[in-house]
Amino acid sequence: MPLRASTVVQQNVASGYIEISHSDQYSISDEPVALWVSGAAGWFEIRPSTKYWPIYSQVHSAIDLYYSAFVAYETWNEACEGRPKSQRPKPPTFDDIYLKYAVRSGGGILRHEVEALCSKWAGFLISHFDKELSLDWANAPFAKSLRSKHPVGPPLKVTAAPVPMC
């Protein structure tokens, strides 16, 4: 589960500019979207300087795209609970996910632009599908399509069994 600012931010510590020169771990969160990176002294929320704002903005859109798909499938999974297979709703379509992203981003983005972002960030999205413990992306049409169009190697091993989708 992604880190929440309320659980790790110490209000009595003043902000300061730091550089993390080596990190092999990061975390993303939703509502609000945030990017966290680990350093020798712990976890830090990324609040980029003006120089790095353009790349941070792109990463922010990738995180929004991931959570748009995640929320669509989480909502669908909840709608399936306790229903026999014959009465379950169909899984979210690409258009459902693209619309969720367009609403989240609030920038008037068009469908073909969201498709281009899916291609651009396919490696990021796929890596998070493989790490997600609260949803099993194995049979999700969105994840299957990205994996077939953008093969990135074998999936990462997770240590806990994911909760299966309906």
Protein backbone atom coordinates (compact mmCIF):
# COMPACT_ATOMS: atom_id res chain seq x y z
CA MET A 1 0.00 0.00 0.00
CA PRO A 2 1.37 3.45 -0.88
CA LEU A 3 2.57 5.71 1.91
CA ARG A 4 0.29 8.49 3.10
CA ALA A 5 1.71 11.88 4.00
CA SER A 6 -0.14 11.92 7.33
CA THR A 7 1.74 8.82 8.47
CA VAL A 8 5.28 9.92 7.67
CA VAL A 9 5.43 13.72 7.64
CA GLN A 10 6.82 15.32 10.77
CA GLN A 11 5.20 18.73 11.10
CA ASN A 12 7.93 20.05 13.42
CA VAL A 13 10.71 19.57 10.85
CA ALA A 14 11.40 22.53 8.58
CA SER A 15 11.65 21.94 4.83
CA GLY A 16 15.02 21.98 3.22
CA TYR A 17 16.62 21.29 -0.10
CA ILE A 18 18.26 17.90 -0.27
CA GLU A 19 19.73 15.72 -2.97
CA ILE A 20 19.30 11.96 -2.92
CA SER A 21 22.11 10.67 -5.09
CA HIS A 22 21.27 6.97 -4.87
CA SER A 23 17.91 5.35 -4.32
CA ASP A 24 16.58 2.01 -5.41
CA GLN A 25 13.12 2.38 -3.88
CA TYR A 26 10.22 4.70 -4.47
CA SER A 27 6.54 4.77 -3.69
CA ILE A 28 3.56 6.51 -5.21
CA SER A 29 0.33 7.56 -3.55
CA ASP A 30 -3.06 8.79 -4.62
CA GLU A 31 -5.33 11.56 -3.29
CA PRO A 32 -3.22 13.59 -3.36
CA VAL A 33 -0.84 12.23 -5.95
CA ALA A 34 2.65 12.09 -4.48
CA LEU A 35 6.02 10.56 -5.26
CA TRP A 36 8.24 9.31 -2.44
CA VAL A 37 11.86 8.21 -2.69
CA SER A 38 14.05 6.43 -0.15
CA GLY A 39 17.39 7.78 0.91
CA ALA A 40 19.96 6.87 3.54
CA ALA A 41 18.01 8.82 6.19
CA GLY A 42 14.52 7.57 5.30
CA TRP A 43 11.67 8.36 2.92
CA PHE A 44 11.20 11.78 1.35
CA GLU A 45 8.33 13.26 -0.62
CA ILE A 46 9.52 14.75 -3.89
CA ARG A 47 8.72 18.42 -4.26
CA PRO A 48 10.85 19.38 -7.23
CA SER A 49 12.61 22.64 -7.85
CA THR A 50 11.58 24.67 -10.89
CA LYS A 51 14.35 23.04 -12.93
CA TYR A 52 12.85 19.56 -12.44
CA TRP A 53 9.17 20.52 -12.60
CA PRO A 54 8.68 19.40 -16.25
CA ILE A 55 9.81 15.81 -15.59
CA TYR A 56 7.93 15.70 -12.27
CA SER A 57 4.81 16.82 -14.09
CA GLN A 58 5.21 13.93 -16.53
CA VAL A 59 5.69 11.44 -13.69
CA HIS A 60 2.63 12.93 -12.00
CA SER A 61 0.58 12.21 -15.14
CA ALA A 62 1.87 8.60 -15.16
CA ILE A 63 0.80 8.18 -11.52
CA ASP A 64 -2.62 9.64 -12.35
CA LEU A 65 -2.93 7.22 -15.27
CA TYR A 66 -2.06 4.25 -13.05
CA TYR A 67 -4.59 5.21 -10.39
CA SER A 68 -7.27 5.86 -13.02
CA ALA A 69 -6.93 2.24 -14.13
CA PHE A 70 -6.59 1.02 -10.54
CA VAL A 71 -9.78 2.79 -9.38
CA ALA A 72 -11.71 1.54 -12.42
CA TYR A 73 -10.74 -2.07 -11.68
CA GLU A 74 -11.16 -1.69 -7.92
CA THR A 75 -14.69 -0.35 -8.44
CA TRP A 76 -15.46 -3.21 -10.83
CA ASN A 77 -14.06 -5.78 -8.40
CA GLU A 78 -16.28 -4.40 -5.62
CA ALA A 79 -19.33 -4.56 -7.93
CA CYS A 80 -18.57 -8.25 -8.58
CA GLU A 81 -18.39 -9.27 -4.92
CA GLY A 82 -20.99 -11.81 -3.92
CA ARG A 83 -22.44 -12.15 -7.41
CA PRO A 84 -22.47 -15.29 -9.50
CA LYS A 85 -20.36 -15.10 -12.65
CA SER A 86 -23.43 -14.78 -14.86
CA GLN A 87 -24.53 -11.62 -13.01
CA ARG A 88 -21.19 -9.84 -12.81
CA PRO A 89 -20.71 -6.61 -14.75
CA LYS A 90 -18.23 -6.51 -17.60
CA PRO A 91 -14.72 -5.31 -16.70
CA PRO A 92 -13.84 -1.68 -17.39
CA THR A 93 -13.16 -0.84 -21.02
CA PHE A 94 -10.25 1.20 -22.26
CA ASP A 95 -12.67 4.07 -22.76
CA ASP A 96 -13.75 3.82 -19.09
CA ILE A 97 -10.12 4.12 -18.00
CA TYR A 98 -9.35 6.90 -20.49
CA LEU A 99 -12.38 8.85 -19.30
CA LYS A 100 -11.38 8.46 -15.63
CA TYR A 101 -7.92 9.77 -16.52
CA ALA A 102 -9.34 12.70 -18.50
CA VAL A 103 -11.52 13.69 -15.56
CA ARG A 104 -8.65 13.30 -13.06
CA SER A 105 -6.21 15.29 -15.16
CA GLY A 106 -8.77 18.03 -15.81
CA GLY A 107 -6.86 19.27 -18.84
CA GLY A 108 -9.24 18.45 -21.68
CA ILE A 109 -7.08 15.58 -22.92
CA LEU A 110 -8.27 13.62 -25.96
CA ARG A 111 -8.53 9.83 -26.28
CA HIS A 112 -5.58 9.49 -28.67
CA GLU A 113 -3.46 11.54 -26.26
CA VAL A 114 -4.30 9.18 -23.39
CA GLU A 115 -3.44 6.21 -25.63
CA ALA A 116 -0.07 7.83 -26.36
CA LEU A 117 0.53 8.29 -22.63
CA CYS A 118 -0.28 4.61 -22.05
CA SER A 119 2.40 3.72 -24.58
CA LYS A 120 4.89 6.20 -23.17
CA TRP A 121 4.43 4.98 -19.60
CA ALA A 122 3.81 1.28 -20.35
CA GLY A 123 6.93 0.13 -18.49
CA PHE A 124 5.96 2.15 -15.40
CA LEU A 125 2.36 0.91 -15.50
CA ILE A 126 3.32 -2.73 -16.05
CA SER A 127 5.86 -2.65 -13.23
CA HIS A 128 3.16 -1.43 -10.85
CA PHE A 129 0.70 -4.07 -12.02
CA ASP A 130 3.24 -6.68 -11.00
CA LYS A 131 3.84 -5.12 -7.57
CA GLU A 132 0.21 -4.45 -6.67
CA LEU A 133 -0.97 -6.62 -3.80
CA SER A 134 -4.57 -5.44 -3.52
CA LEU A 135 -5.56 -6.27 -7.13
CA ASP A 136 -4.54 -9.11 -9.40
CA TRP A 137 -3.91 -7.57 -12.81
CA ALA A 138 -3.16 -10.91 -14.51
CA ASN A 139 -6.52 -11.14 -16.29
CA ALA A 140 -7.35 -7.46 -16.62
CA PRO A 141 -7.81 -6.55 -20.32
CA PHE A 142 -6.04 -3.21 -19.81
CA ALA A 143 -2.94 -4.87 -18.32
CA LYS A 144 -2.98 -7.72 -20.86
CA SER A 145 -3.09 -5.26 -23.73
CA LEU A 146 -0.22 -3.17 -22.39
CA ARG A 147 1.88 -6.27 -21.79
CA SER A 148 1.27 -7.61 -25.31
CA LYS A 149 2.06 -4.26 -26.95
CA HIS A 150 5.02 -3.44 -24.70
CA PRO A 151 6.83 -6.57 -23.48
CA VAL A 152 9.23 -5.63 -20.67
CA GLY A 153 10.49 -8.99 -19.52
CA PRO A 154 9.26 -11.40 -16.88
CA PRO A 155 6.94 -10.07 -14.17
CA LEU A 156 8.40 -9.18 -10.81
CA LYS A 157 7.90 -11.68 -8.02
CA VAL A 158 5.61 -10.57 -5.20
CA THR A 159 5.94 -12.05 -1.75
CA ALA A 160 2.24 -11.98 -0.79
CA ALA A 161 -0.57 -13.48 -2.83
CA PRO A 162 -2.66 -10.77 -4.55
CA VAL A 163 -6.37 -10.57 -3.95
CA PRO A 164 -7.97 -12.14 -7.06
CA MET A 165 -10.29 -10.07 -9.21
CA CYS A 166 -13.78 -11.42 -9.66
